[in-house]
């Protein structure tokens, strides 16, 4: 299979490895239908709390989230992706001319170029060395904070996870936090369910992770995409009460 054919199938065929990834990114963003409202809530909360004006979506895919950031959150949002097919599709969206083809571990931007950097479901496909390099690059180009989220480690034991030959890093949030700290960044593991998320802090309050989680969970409830509070929420709150 050619690279271009592989990329088209990856993004357009919902049954293509690793399964549930692809198709319409708005109605089935990420790894299960209905995920896009979760991402909307998380990003909207982070933007509100940081008063950000600029965003890089590193690993933007077909550009659904970058378009949402531009049209609904009024951000100056740039998307980047290693896939030629994805960047071509992303450039067709509103404001999509601000899309570049680039790998996460070689971002063609200046230091502190963006208030926020967002990376969802990207680093899990990399080798540990590439993931460390990507975290270093993400931290380098963000000025305030960066949100990095990947598939939860527990998904490896699910039926489709056992058939997934693409995901290389099934890491727990604390492990992603450790990788980020190895690159010299302040990072905090977040207690969302179904994903392994961390927040990198540069010029941000140490309480930003706590405020982000509480505000975004509230938004998820309003959007009807929070069936129950995350199991680790109480322990997360205790971490900030010490």
Protein backbone atom coordinates (compact mmCIF):
# COMPACT_ATOMS: atom_id res chain seq x y z
CA UNK A 1 0.00 0.00 0.00
CA UNK A 2 1.33 3.43 -0.92
CA UNK A 3 1.81 6.09 1.76
CA UNK A 4 -0.92 8.29 0.26
CA UNK A 5 -3.39 5.39 0.16
CA UNK A 6 -2.55 4.44 3.74
CA UNK A 7 -3.14 8.01 4.97
CA UNK A 8 -6.47 8.28 3.14
CA UNK A 9 -7.70 5.00 4.63
CA UNK A 10 -6.44 5.95 8.09
CA UNK A 11 -8.43 9.18 8.11
CA UNK A 12 -11.52 8.09 6.14
CA UNK A 13 -12.17 4.41 6.88
CA UNK A 14 -13.59 3.91 10.41
CA UNK A 15 -12.75 0.19 10.22
CA UNK A 16 -9.12 0.74 9.28
CA UNK A 17 -6.40 0.02 11.84
CA UNK A 18 -6.46 0.94 14.69
CA UNK A 19 -10.24 0.91 14.45
CA UNK A 20 -12.66 3.74 15.30
CA UNK A 21 -9.94 6.22 14.27
CA UNK A 22 -10.95 8.22 11.26
CA UNK A 23 -14.16 9.06 9.54
CA UNK A 24 -15.79 12.42 10.15
CA UNK A 25 -13.69 14.10 12.82
CA UNK A 26 -16.63 16.11 14.12
CA UNK A 27 -19.11 13.28 14.66
CA UNK A 28 -16.47 10.71 15.63
CA UNK A 29 -13.35 12.57 16.69
CA UNK A 30 -10.63 10.32 18.05
CA UNK A 31 -11.35 6.92 19.48
CA UNK A 32 -15.08 6.71 20.00
CA UNK A 33 -18.19 8.51 18.72
CA UNK A 34 -19.08 11.58 20.73
CA UNK A 35 -15.48 12.38 21.70
CA UNK A 36 -15.43 15.77 20.00
CA UNK A 37 -17.57 17.47 22.70
CA UNK A 38 -15.05 16.28 25.31
CA UNK A 39 -12.25 17.99 23.39
CA UNK A 40 -14.37 21.11 22.90
CA UNK A 41 -14.97 21.33 26.65
CA UNK A 42 -11.31 20.84 27.52
CA UNK A 43 -10.02 23.38 25.01
CA UNK A 44 -12.71 25.96 25.76
CA UNK A 45 -11.93 25.75 29.48
CA UNK A 46 -8.19 26.08 28.90
CA UNK A 47 -8.65 29.10 26.63
CA UNK A 48 -10.99 30.77 29.10
CA UNK A 49 -8.61 30.28 32.04
CA UNK A 50 -5.49 31.42 30.20
CA UNK A 51 -7.09 34.14 28.06
CA UNK A 52 -5.11 32.72 25.15
CA UNK A 53 -5.18 34.32 21.72
CA UNK A 54 -2.99 31.91 19.75
CA UNK A 55 -2.97 28.11 19.46
CA UNK A 56 -1.00 25.39 17.72
CA UNK A 57 -2.84 22.10 17.18
CA UNK A 58 0.15 19.78 16.83
CA UNK A 59 -1.05 16.70 14.97
CA UNK A 60 -4.22 18.41 13.78
CA UNK A 61 -5.41 15.65 11.45
CA UNK A 62 -8.07 16.98 9.10
CA UNK A 63 -8.30 20.20 11.07
CA UNK A 64 -11.63 19.86 12.89
CA UNK A 65 -10.38 21.17 16.23
CA UNK A 66 -8.32 23.98 14.72
CA UNK A 67 -11.42 25.11 12.80
CA UNK A 68 -13.48 25.00 16.01
CA UNK A 69 -10.80 27.07 17.76
CA UNK A 70 -10.92 29.69 15.01
CA UNK A 71 -14.68 29.94 14.51
CA UNK A 72 -16.02 29.39 18.04
CA UNK A 73 -13.17 30.43 20.35
CA UNK A 74 -11.87 33.17 18.02
CA UNK A 75 -8.28 32.01 18.30
CA UNK A 76 -5.51 32.58 15.81
CA UNK A 77 -5.06 28.83 15.37
CA UNK A 78 -2.40 27.05 13.35
CA UNK A 79 -2.54 23.34 12.59
CA UNK A 80 0.37 21.03 11.88
CA UNK A 81 0.44 17.37 10.86
CA UNK A 82 2.97 14.98 9.34
CA UNK A 83 0.36 13.55 6.95
CA UNK A 84 0.19 15.08 3.48
CA UNK A 85 -3.41 13.87 3.13
CA UNK A 86 -4.48 15.32 6.48
CA UNK A 87 -2.89 18.70 5.86
CA UNK A 88 -4.54 18.86 2.44
CA UNK A 89 -7.94 18.21 4.01
CA UNK A 90 -7.28 20.65 6.87
CA UNK A 91 -6.46 23.43 4.44
CA UNK A 92 -9.99 23.17 3.02
CA UNK A 93 -11.54 24.19 6.35
CA UNK A 94 -12.22 27.76 7.43
CA UNK A 95 -8.87 29.40 8.12
CA UNK A 96 -7.18 26.21 7.01
CA UNK A 97 -4.54 28.06 5.04
CA UNK A 98 -2.80 28.27 8.44
CA UNK A 99 -1.89 24.59 8.26
CA UNK A 100 1.65 23.32 7.83
CA UNK A 101 3.07 19.88 7.27
CA UNK A 102 5.47 19.05 10.10
CA UNK A 103 6.38 16.33 12.56
CA UNK A 104 5.76 17.00 16.24
CA UNK A 105 9.43 16.49 17.05
CA UNK A 106 10.51 19.08 14.47
CA UNK A 107 8.09 22.00 14.73
CA UNK A 108 9.02 24.90 12.40
CA UNK A 109 8.13 27.67 14.84
CA UNK A 110 10.02 30.05 17.10
CA UNK A 111 10.31 29.63 20.86
CA UNK A 112 7.14 30.74 22.69
CA UNK A 113 5.37 31.22 19.35
CA UNK A 114 1.92 30.24 20.70
CA UNK A 115 0.03 30.94 23.90
CA UNK A 116 -1.18 27.34 23.90
CA UNK A 117 -0.20 24.11 22.19
CA UNK A 118 -2.64 21.24 21.85
CA UNK A 119 -1.72 17.68 20.92
CA UNK A 120 -4.34 14.95 21.05
CA UNK A 121 -3.84 11.31 20.11
CA UNK A 122 -0.53 11.83 18.34
CA UNK A 123 2.46 10.96 20.51
CA UNK A 124 1.13 7.48 21.21
CA UNK A 125 2.18 6.46 17.69
CA UNK A 126 5.82 7.44 18.22
CA UNK A 127 8.86 5.70 19.62
CA UNK A 128 9.87 6.76 23.16
CA UNK A 129 12.72 8.82 21.70
CA UNK A 130 10.38 10.57 19.26
CA UNK A 131 7.84 11.19 22.03
CA UNK A 132 10.47 12.80 24.24
CA UNK A 133 11.57 14.96 21.33
CA UNK A 134 7.98 15.94 20.61
CA UNK A 135 7.36 16.93 24.23
CA UNK A 136 10.51 19.05 24.12
CA UNK A 137 9.32 20.77 20.93
CA UNK A 138 5.78 21.28 22.21
CA UNK A 139 7.14 22.82 25.39
CA UNK A 140 9.56 24.97 23.42
CA UNK A 141 6.96 26.62 21.18
CA UNK A 142 4.32 27.20 23.87
CA UNK A 143 4.37 30.38 25.92
CA UNK A 144 1.78 29.63 28.62
CA UNK A 145 0.72 25.97 28.65
CA UNK A 146 0.38 22.85 26.53
CA UNK A 147 -2.24 20.12 26.69
CA UNK A 148 -1.03 16.69 25.60
CA UNK A 149 -3.44 13.77 25.54
CA UNK A 150 -3.09 10.21 24.28
CA UNK A 151 -5.02 6.96 24.46
CA UNK A 152 -5.39 5.55 27.96
CA UNK A 153 -3.09 2.67 28.86
CA UNK A 154 -6.10 0.51 29.79
CA UNK A 155 -7.30 0.61 26.18
CA UNK A 156 -4.54 -1.83 25.28
CA UNK A 157 -6.63 -4.55 26.97
CA UNK A 158 -9.79 -3.78 25.01
CA UNK A 159 -10.76 -5.83 21.96
CA UNK A 160 -9.76 -3.24 19.39
CA UNK A 161 -6.65 -2.34 21.38
CA UNK A 162 -5.44 -5.92 21.20
CA UNK A 163 -5.73 -5.70 17.41
CA UNK A 164 -4.03 -2.31 17.19
CA UNK A 165 -0.64 -2.59 15.51
CA UNK A 166 0.00 1.15 15.29
CA UNK A 167 -0.03 2.48 18.84
CA UNK A 168 3.45 2.18 20.36
CA UNK A 169 3.03 3.95 23.68
CA UNK A 170 0.24 2.87 26.01
CA UNK A 171 1.32 5.04 28.94
CA UNK A 172 -0.46 6.10 32.09
CA UNK A 173 -0.81 9.85 32.79
CA UNK A 174 1.94 9.71 35.42
CA UNK A 175 4.28 8.20 32.85
CA UNK A 176 3.59 10.99 30.36
CA UNK A 177 4.13 13.46 33.19
CA UNK A 178 7.48 11.83 33.93
CA UNK A 179 8.55 12.04 30.28
CA UNK A 180 7.69 15.75 30.19
CA UNK A 181 9.56 16.42 33.41
CA UNK A 182 12.60 14.65 31.94
CA UNK A 183 12.60 17.36 29.28
CA UNK A 184 12.76 20.01 32.01
CA UNK A 185 9.11 21.07 32.06
CA UNK A 186 6.64 21.38 34.89
CA UNK A 187 3.89 18.91 34.06
CA UNK A 188 0.79 17.62 35.83
CA UNK A 189 -1.13 14.43 35.07
CA UNK A 190 -4.87 15.05 34.62
CA UNK A 191 -7.60 12.66 35.84
CA UNK A 192 -9.77 12.42 32.72
CA UNK A 193 -11.17 8.99 31.91
CA UNK A 194 -10.48 7.27 28.61
CA UNK A 195 -7.37 9.30 27.89
CA UNK A 196 -3.90 9.82 29.27
CA UNK A 197 -3.59 13.59 29.57
CA UNK A 198 -1.05 16.00 31.01
CA UNK A 199 -0.74 19.76 31.19
CA UNK A 200 2.68 21.38 30.66
CA UNK A 201 3.05 24.68 32.50
CA UNK A 202 5.41 27.49 31.47
CA UNK A 203 4.02 30.92 32.34
CA UNK A 204 0.93 29.63 34.09
CA UNK A 205 -0.35 29.39 37.64
CA UNK A 206 0.43 26.12 39.46
CA UNK A 207 -3.31 25.91 40.13
CA UNK A 208 -4.18 25.93 36.43
CA UNK A 209 -4.47 22.11 36.18
CA UNK A 210 -6.98 22.00 39.04
CA UNK A 211 -9.04 24.86 37.63
CA UNK A 212 -8.91 23.34 34.14
CA UNK A 213 -10.18 19.97 35.26
CA UNK A 214 -13.04 21.38 37.33
CA UNK A 215 -14.15 23.85 34.66
CA UNK A 216 -13.89 21.39 31.77
CA UNK A 217 -15.82 18.70 33.65
CA UNK A 218 -18.56 21.25 34.21
CA UNK A 219 -18.64 22.01 30.51
CA UNK A 220 -18.75 18.27 29.72
CA UNK A 221 -21.80 17.89 31.96
CA UNK A 222 -23.54 20.70 30.11
CA UNK A 223 -22.68 19.08 26.77
CA UNK A 224 -23.95 15.71 27.98
CA UNK A 225 -20.62 13.93 27.50
CA UNK A 226 -19.70 13.24 31.14
CA UNK A 227 -21.48 10.06 32.31
CA UNK A 228 -19.79 10.17 35.74
CA UNK A 229 -16.97 11.99 37.54
CA UNK A 230 -13.53 10.48 36.82
CA UNK A 231 -12.46 7.86 39.33
CA UNK A 232 -9.23 9.72 40.07
CA UNK A 233 -10.83 13.11 40.68
CA UNK A 234 -10.76 12.97 44.47
CA UNK A 235 -7.08 12.00 44.57
CA UNK A 236 -6.33 14.76 42.07
CA UNK A 237 -7.97 17.33 44.35
CA UNK A 238 -5.98 16.03 47.31
CA UNK A 239 -2.77 16.61 45.36
CA UNK A 240 -3.51 20.33 45.29
CA UNK A 241 -4.58 20.55 48.93
CA UNK A 242 -1.21 19.52 50.32
